[in-house]
Amino acid sequence: MQIVTSWMEEGMQQGMQQGMQQGMQKEGITLIIRQLARKLGELPGSLLDTIGSLTLARLEELGEALLDFRGREDLDAWLREHQN
C-alpha cells in the first residue's frame, strides 16, 4: 500500500491548478484570435505572437475591447497600451 503524504497531495493539487490555468489561457488565446480574424481579417504572425503572450486577464480585457474595434489600427493601439 502506498502512503500519500500531505506534501504529495499539495503538489498534485498545485499541478492540477496550473494545468487548468494553462488550458484556460490556451482556449482564451484561440477564441480571441478567431474573433479578431473574423472582425479584422487574417492577422500577421507577429500580432498572433503578441496576443499569445497576454495573460488571461488581458485576454479577457481584449475580448471586451475588440467589440468596439473598427479596424486593425484599433487592435494595434490597444496592444501598445495594454502589453504586460
C-alpha atoms as a PDB file:
ATOM      1  CA  MET A   1       0.000   0.000   0.000  1.00  0.00           C
ATOM      2  CA  GLN A   2       1.382   3.354  -0.996  1.00  0.00           C
ATOM      3  CA  ILE A   3       1.245   6.171   1.514  1.00  0.00           C
ATOM      4  CA  VAL A   4       0.497   9.589   0.032  1.00  0.00           C
ATOM      5  CA  THR A   5       1.819  12.363   2.209  1.00  0.00           C
ATOM      6  CA  SER A   6       0.256  15.777   2.521  1.00  0.00           C
ATOM      7  CA  TRP A   7       3.094  17.401   0.559  1.00  0.00           C
ATOM      8  CA  MET A   8       2.496  14.984  -2.314  1.00  0.00           C
ATOM      9  CA  GLU A   9      -1.208  15.778  -2.285  1.00  0.00           C
ATOM     10  CA  GLU A  10      -0.448  19.501  -2.243  1.00  0.00           C
ATOM     11  CA  GLY A  11       1.949  19.109  -5.160  1.00  0.00           C
ATOM     12  CA  MET A  12      -0.635  17.187  -7.151  1.00  0.00           C
ATOM     13  CA  GLN A  13      -3.256  19.823  -6.414  1.00  0.00           C
ATOM     14  CA  GLN A  14      -0.927  22.627  -7.495  1.00  0.00           C
ATOM     15  CA  GLY A  15      -0.114  20.746 -10.681  1.00  0.00           C
ATOM     16  CA  MET A  16      -3.796  20.316 -11.490  1.00  0.00           C
ATOM     17  CA  GLN A  17      -4.476  24.003 -10.864  1.00  0.00           C
ATOM     18  CA  GLN A  18      -1.566  25.012 -13.062  1.00  0.00           C
ATOM     19  CA  GLY A  19      -2.777  22.694 -15.819  1.00  0.00           C
ATOM     20  CA  MET A  20      -6.277  24.147 -15.637  1.00  0.00           C
ATOM     21  CA  GLN A  21      -4.885  27.689 -15.790  1.00  0.00           C
ATOM     22  CA  GLN A  22      -2.779  26.841 -18.832  1.00  0.00           C
ATOM     23  CA  GLY A  23      -5.780  25.238 -20.517  1.00  0.00           C
ATOM     24  CA  MET A  24      -7.921  28.321 -19.913  1.00  0.00           C
ATOM     25  CA  GLN A  25      -5.119  30.532 -21.255  1.00  0.00           C
ATOM     26  CA  LYS A  26      -4.803  28.450 -24.415  1.00  0.00           C
ATOM     27  CA  GLU A  27      -8.555  28.435 -25.011  1.00  0.00           C
ATOM     28  CA  GLY A  28      -8.699  32.189 -24.407  1.00  0.00           C
ATOM     29  CA  ILE A  29      -5.977  32.808 -26.975  1.00  0.00           C
ATOM     30  CA  THR A  30      -7.734  30.601 -29.521  1.00  0.00           C
ATOM     31  CA  LEU A  31     -11.088  32.316 -29.022  1.00  0.00           C
ATOM     32  CA  ILE A  32      -9.690  35.862 -29.177  1.00  0.00           C
ATOM     33  CA  ILE A  33      -7.682  35.109 -32.317  1.00  0.00           C
ATOM     34  CA  ARG A  34     -10.760  33.629 -34.003  1.00  0.00           C
ATOM     35  CA  GLN A  35     -12.866  36.646 -33.059  1.00  0.00           C
ATOM     36  CA  LEU A  36     -10.212  39.103 -34.239  1.00  0.00           C
ATOM     37  CA  ALA A  37      -9.750  37.235 -37.530  1.00  0.00           C
ATOM     38  CA  ARG A  38     -13.474  37.312 -38.142  1.00  0.00           C
ATOM     39  CA  LYS A  39     -13.694  41.021 -37.375  1.00  0.00           C
ATOM     40  CA  LEU A  40     -10.404  42.267 -38.880  1.00  0.00           C
ATOM     41  CA  GLY A  41      -9.285  39.563 -41.299  1.00  0.00           C
ATOM     42  CA  GLU A  42      -6.186  37.410 -41.151  1.00  0.00           C
ATOM     43  CA  LEU A  43      -3.584  38.662 -38.672  1.00  0.00           C
ATOM     44  CA  PRO A  44       0.199  38.551 -39.189  1.00  0.00           C
ATOM     45  CA  GLY A  45       2.293  36.163 -37.132  1.00  0.00           C
ATOM     46  CA  SER A  46       3.862  38.961 -35.109  1.00  0.00           C
ATOM     47  CA  LEU A  47       0.439  40.012 -33.827  1.00  0.00           C
ATOM     48  CA  LEU A  48      -0.500  36.404 -33.102  1.00  0.00           C
ATOM     49  CA  ASP A  49       2.676  36.072 -31.042  1.00  0.00           C
ATOM     50  CA  THR A  50       1.865  39.248 -29.118  1.00  0.00           C
ATOM     51  CA  ILE A  51      -1.672  38.094 -28.406  1.00  0.00           C
ATOM     52  CA  GLY A  52      -0.359  34.677 -27.407  1.00  0.00           C
ATOM     53  CA  SER A  53       1.843  36.261 -24.753  1.00  0.00           C
ATOM     54  CA  LEU A  54      -1.020  38.086 -22.995  1.00  0.00           C
ATOM     55  CA  THR A  55      -2.140  36.993 -19.565  1.00  0.00           C
ATOM     56  CA  LEU A  56      -5.600  35.538 -19.128  1.00  0.00           C
ATOM     57  CA  ALA A  57      -6.800  38.787 -17.538  1.00  0.00           C
ATOM     58  CA  ARG A  58      -5.500  40.808 -20.519  1.00  0.00           C
ATOM     59  CA  LEU A  59      -7.131  38.354 -22.939  1.00  0.00           C
ATOM     60  CA  GLU A  60     -10.447  38.915 -21.195  1.00  0.00           C
ATOM     61  CA  GLU A  61      -9.977  42.686 -21.492  1.00  0.00           C
ATOM     62  CA  LEU A  62      -9.115  42.323 -25.178  1.00  0.00           C
ATOM     63  CA  GLY A  63     -12.210  40.172 -25.695  1.00  0.00           C
ATOM     64  CA  GLU A  64     -14.380  43.030 -24.478  1.00  0.00           C
ATOM     65  CA  ALA A  65     -12.420  45.762 -26.264  1.00  0.00           C
ATOM     66  CA  LEU A  66     -12.483  44.061 -29.661  1.00  0.00           C
ATOM     67  CA  LEU A  67     -16.237  44.557 -29.816  1.00  0.00           C
ATOM     68  CA  ASP A  68     -15.531  48.258 -30.396  1.00  0.00           C
ATOM     69  CA  PHE A  69     -12.660  47.851 -32.885  1.00  0.00           C
ATOM     70  CA  ARG A  70     -13.313  49.285 -36.323  1.00  0.00           C
ATOM     71  CA  GLY A  71     -10.025  48.282 -37.882  1.00  0.00           C
ATOM     72  CA  ARG A  72      -6.595  46.829 -37.359  1.00  0.00           C
ATOM     73  CA  GLU A  73      -5.262  50.164 -36.100  1.00  0.00           C
ATOM     74  CA  ASP A  74      -7.597  49.865 -33.090  1.00  0.00           C
ATOM     75  CA  LEU A  75      -6.067  46.481 -32.235  1.00  0.00           C
ATOM     76  CA  ASP A  76      -2.548  47.863 -32.662  1.00  0.00           C
ATOM     77  CA  ALA A  77      -3.331  50.817 -30.382  1.00  0.00           C
ATOM     78  CA  TRP A  78      -4.938  48.571 -27.744  1.00  0.00           C
ATOM     79  CA  LEU A  79      -1.939  46.242 -27.713  1.00  0.00           C
ATOM     80  CA  ARG A  80       0.502  49.156 -27.364  1.00  0.00           C
ATOM     81  CA  GLU A  81      -1.498  50.450 -24.413  1.00  0.00           C
ATOM     82  CA  HIS A  82      -2.007  47.112 -22.637  1.00  0.00           C
ATOM     83  CA  GLN A  83       1.088  45.000 -23.174  1.00  0.00           C
ATOM     84  CA  ASN A  84       2.232  43.289 -19.987  1.00  0.00           C
END
